[in-house]
Amino acid sequence: APSGEFNQLALAVSCVGRRLVLQHRCEEELEGVAETLPQGTPLVGFYSYGELAPEGKSNCELHNQTLTVALFSENSPENSPGNSPKNSPKNSPKNNAAA
C-alpha cells in the first residue's frame, strides 16, 4: 500500500439462520455491507450457528439470525510508531557490531 494508507480486511460472520430466512437476498445484504466499507476493502466471511455476546449487563447469551462485521486494519510499516530509519533492522546496534 502507498505510504500513509491502511491495509484493511472486513470479516463478516452471519448466522446460518439468516441464510435460511433471507435465501437469495443474502447476496443483497452483503452488497449493502460492502458499500459501507472503505473503498477497496476485501470482504470475507462465513456462516455460523449463532454468536455468543452479552445482552445488556447479563452474561453472554446465544444470539441467532445475526450478522457481525469486523474491520481489521494495519498501518503501513513505514508509518508505524517507532519505525524510523534509526530504528530499522539494518541500523540496529546488533547488525552494526560486525561492521
C-alpha atoms as a PDB file:
ATOM      1  CA  ALA A   1       0.000   0.000   0.000  1.00  0.00           C
ATOM      2  CA  PRO A   2       1.245   3.504  -0.712  1.00  0.00           C
ATOM      3  CA  SER A   3       2.662   5.476   2.189  1.00  0.00           C
ATOM      4  CA  GLY A   4       0.032   6.686   4.644  1.00  0.00           C
ATOM      5  CA  GLU A   5      -2.624   4.145   3.616  1.00  0.00           C
ATOM      6  CA  PHE A   6      -4.037   1.399   5.763  1.00  0.00           C
ATOM      7  CA  ASN A   7      -4.207  -2.260   4.911  1.00  0.00           C
ATOM      8  CA  GLN A   8      -7.727  -3.429   5.751  1.00  0.00           C
ATOM      9  CA  LEU A   9      -9.861  -6.536   5.796  1.00  0.00           C
ATOM     10  CA  ALA A  10     -13.547  -6.891   6.677  1.00  0.00           C
ATOM     11  CA  LEU A  11     -14.768 -10.146   8.223  1.00  0.00           C
ATOM     12  CA  ALA A  12     -18.495 -10.935   8.143  1.00  0.00           C
ATOM     13  CA  VAL A  13     -19.951 -13.704  10.298  1.00  0.00           C
ATOM     14  CA  SER A  14     -23.578 -14.458   9.535  1.00  0.00           C
ATOM     15  CA  CYS A  15     -25.822 -16.949  11.265  1.00  0.00           C
ATOM     16  CA  VAL A  16     -26.969 -19.768   9.009  1.00  0.00           C
ATOM     17  CA  GLY A  17     -30.492 -18.944  10.224  1.00  0.00           C
ATOM     18  CA  ARG A  18     -30.272 -15.687   8.250  1.00  0.00           C
ATOM     19  CA  ARG A  19     -29.408 -17.659   5.141  1.00  0.00           C
ATOM     20  CA  LEU A  20     -32.496 -19.836   5.611  1.00  0.00           C
ATOM     21  CA  VAL A  21     -34.750 -16.808   6.141  1.00  0.00           C
ATOM     22  CA  LEU A  22     -33.263 -14.419   3.562  1.00  0.00           C
ATOM     23  CA  GLN A  23     -32.434 -17.069   0.941  1.00  0.00           C
ATOM     24  CA  HIS A  24     -31.165 -15.333  -2.243  1.00  0.00           C
ATOM     25  CA  ARG A  25     -31.368 -11.897  -0.557  1.00  0.00           C
ATOM     26  CA  CYS A  26     -28.223 -12.710   1.459  1.00  0.00           C
ATOM     27  CA  GLU A  27     -26.190 -11.518  -1.500  1.00  0.00           C
ATOM     28  CA  GLU A  28     -28.031  -8.179  -1.432  1.00  0.00           C
ATOM     29  CA  GLU A  29     -27.328  -7.860   2.274  1.00  0.00           C
ATOM     30  CA  LEU A  30     -23.603  -8.440   1.743  1.00  0.00           C
ATOM     31  CA  GLU A  31     -23.559  -5.968  -1.144  1.00  0.00           C
ATOM     32  CA  GLY A  32     -25.021  -3.396   1.267  1.00  0.00           C
ATOM     33  CA  VAL A  33     -22.303  -4.188   3.803  1.00  0.00           C
ATOM     34  CA  ALA A  34     -19.595  -3.897   1.129  1.00  0.00           C
ATOM     35  CA  GLU A  35     -20.925  -0.467   0.102  1.00  0.00           C
ATOM     36  CA  THR A  36     -20.387   0.860   3.647  1.00  0.00           C
ATOM     37  CA  LEU A  37     -16.751  -0.265   3.796  1.00  0.00           C
ATOM     38  CA  PRO A  38     -13.806   1.910   2.768  1.00  0.00           C
ATOM     39  CA  GLN A  39     -13.232   1.584  -0.977  1.00  0.00           C
ATOM     40  CA  GLY A  40     -11.083  -1.398  -1.930  1.00  0.00           C
ATOM     41  CA  THR A  41     -11.529  -3.246   1.387  1.00  0.00           C
ATOM     42  CA  PRO A  42     -11.777  -7.015   0.846  1.00  0.00           C
ATOM     43  CA  LEU A  43     -14.819  -8.639   2.480  1.00  0.00           C
ATOM     44  CA  VAL A  44     -14.588 -12.280   3.569  1.00  0.00           C
ATOM     45  CA  GLY A  45     -16.753 -14.308   5.866  1.00  0.00           C
ATOM     46  CA  PHE A  46     -18.519 -17.479   6.831  1.00  0.00           C
ATOM     47  CA  TYR A  47     -21.745 -18.808   8.298  1.00  0.00           C
ATOM     48  CA  SER A  48     -22.006 -19.764  11.943  1.00  0.00           C
ATOM     49  CA  TYR A  49     -24.665 -21.441  14.047  1.00  0.00           C
ATOM     50  CA  GLY A  50     -25.087 -18.375  16.255  1.00  0.00           C
ATOM     51  CA  GLU A  51     -22.949 -15.883  18.105  1.00  0.00           C
ATOM     52  CA  LEU A  52     -22.144 -15.534  21.807  1.00  0.00           C
ATOM     53  CA  ALA A  53     -22.335 -11.983  23.106  1.00  0.00           C
ATOM     54  CA  PRO A  54     -23.523 -10.163  26.213  1.00  0.00           C
ATOM     55  CA  GLU A  55     -27.084  -8.932  26.247  1.00  0.00           C
ATOM     56  CA  GLY A  56     -27.276  -5.781  28.314  1.00  0.00           C
ATOM     57  CA  LYS A  57     -25.435  -6.306  31.581  1.00  0.00           C
ATOM     58  CA  SER A  58     -26.097 -10.055  31.706  1.00  0.00           C
ATOM     59  CA  ASN A  59     -23.768 -12.934  30.951  1.00  0.00           C
ATOM     60  CA  CYS A  60     -23.139 -13.983  27.391  1.00  0.00           C
ATOM     61  CA  GLU A  61     -26.147 -15.320  25.562  1.00  0.00           C
ATOM     62  CA  LEU A  62     -26.549 -17.197  22.303  1.00  0.00           C
ATOM     63  CA  HIS A  63     -27.810 -14.924  19.541  1.00  0.00           C
ATOM     64  CA  ASN A  64     -29.028 -16.311  16.259  1.00  0.00           C
ATOM     65  CA  GLN A  65     -30.035 -14.742  12.974  1.00  0.00           C
ATOM     66  CA  THR A  66     -27.392 -12.062  13.453  1.00  0.00           C
ATOM     67  CA  LEU A  67     -24.735 -10.604  11.182  1.00  0.00           C
ATOM     68  CA  THR A  68     -21.488  -9.367  12.695  1.00  0.00           C
ATOM     69  CA  VAL A  69     -18.909  -7.400  10.711  1.00  0.00           C
ATOM     70  CA  ALA A  70     -15.412  -6.637  11.991  1.00  0.00           C
ATOM     71  CA  LEU A  71     -12.981  -4.346  10.215  1.00  0.00           C
ATOM     72  CA  PHE A  72      -9.310  -5.082  10.767  1.00  0.00           C
ATOM     73  CA  SER A  73      -6.695  -2.541   9.734  1.00  0.00           C
ATOM     74  CA  GLU A  74      -2.955  -2.213   9.981  1.00  0.00           C
ATOM     75  CA  ASN A  75      -0.910   0.900   9.456  1.00  0.00           C
ATOM     76  CA  SER A  76       1.672   0.553   6.701  1.00  0.00           C
ATOM     77  CA  PRO A  77       5.110  -0.356   8.136  1.00  0.00           C
ATOM     78  CA  GLU A  78       6.766   2.903   7.085  1.00  0.00           C
ATOM     79  CA  ASN A  79       4.243   4.847   9.197  1.00  0.00           C
ATOM     80  CA  SER A  80       4.215   2.623  12.272  1.00  0.00           C
ATOM     81  CA  PRO A  81       5.180   4.266  15.578  1.00  0.00           C
ATOM     82  CA  GLY A  82       8.880   3.782  16.311  1.00  0.00           C
ATOM     83  CA  ASN A  83       9.702   2.793  12.753  1.00  0.00           C
ATOM     84  CA  SER A  84      12.157   5.496  11.813  1.00  0.00           C
ATOM     85  CA  PRO A  85      15.416   4.959   9.917  1.00  0.00           C
ATOM     86  CA  LYS A  86      17.372   4.896  13.185  1.00  0.00           C
ATOM     87  CA  ASN A  87      15.139   2.001  14.380  1.00  0.00           C
ATOM     88  CA  SER A  88      15.315  -0.054  11.211  1.00  0.00           C
ATOM     89  CA  PRO A  89      16.882  -3.537  11.479  1.00  0.00           C
ATOM     90  CA  LYS A  90      19.829  -2.633   9.241  1.00  0.00           C
ATOM     91  CA  ASN A  91      20.765   0.234  11.590  1.00  0.00           C
ATOM     92  CA  SER A  92      20.358  -1.681  14.850  1.00  0.00           C
ATOM     93  CA  PRO A  93      23.439  -1.964  17.112  1.00  0.00           C
ATOM     94  CA  LYS A  94      23.338  -5.774  16.744  1.00  0.00           C
ATOM     95  CA  ASN A  95      23.711  -5.560  12.937  1.00  0.00           C
ATOM     96  CA  ASN A  96      26.341  -2.805  13.096  1.00  0.00           C
ATOM     97  CA  ALA A  97      28.580  -4.720  15.540  1.00  0.00           C
ATOM     98  CA  ALA A  98      30.165  -6.686  12.713  1.00  0.00           C
ATOM     99  CA  ALA A  99      30.783  -3.577  10.610  1.00  0.00           C
END
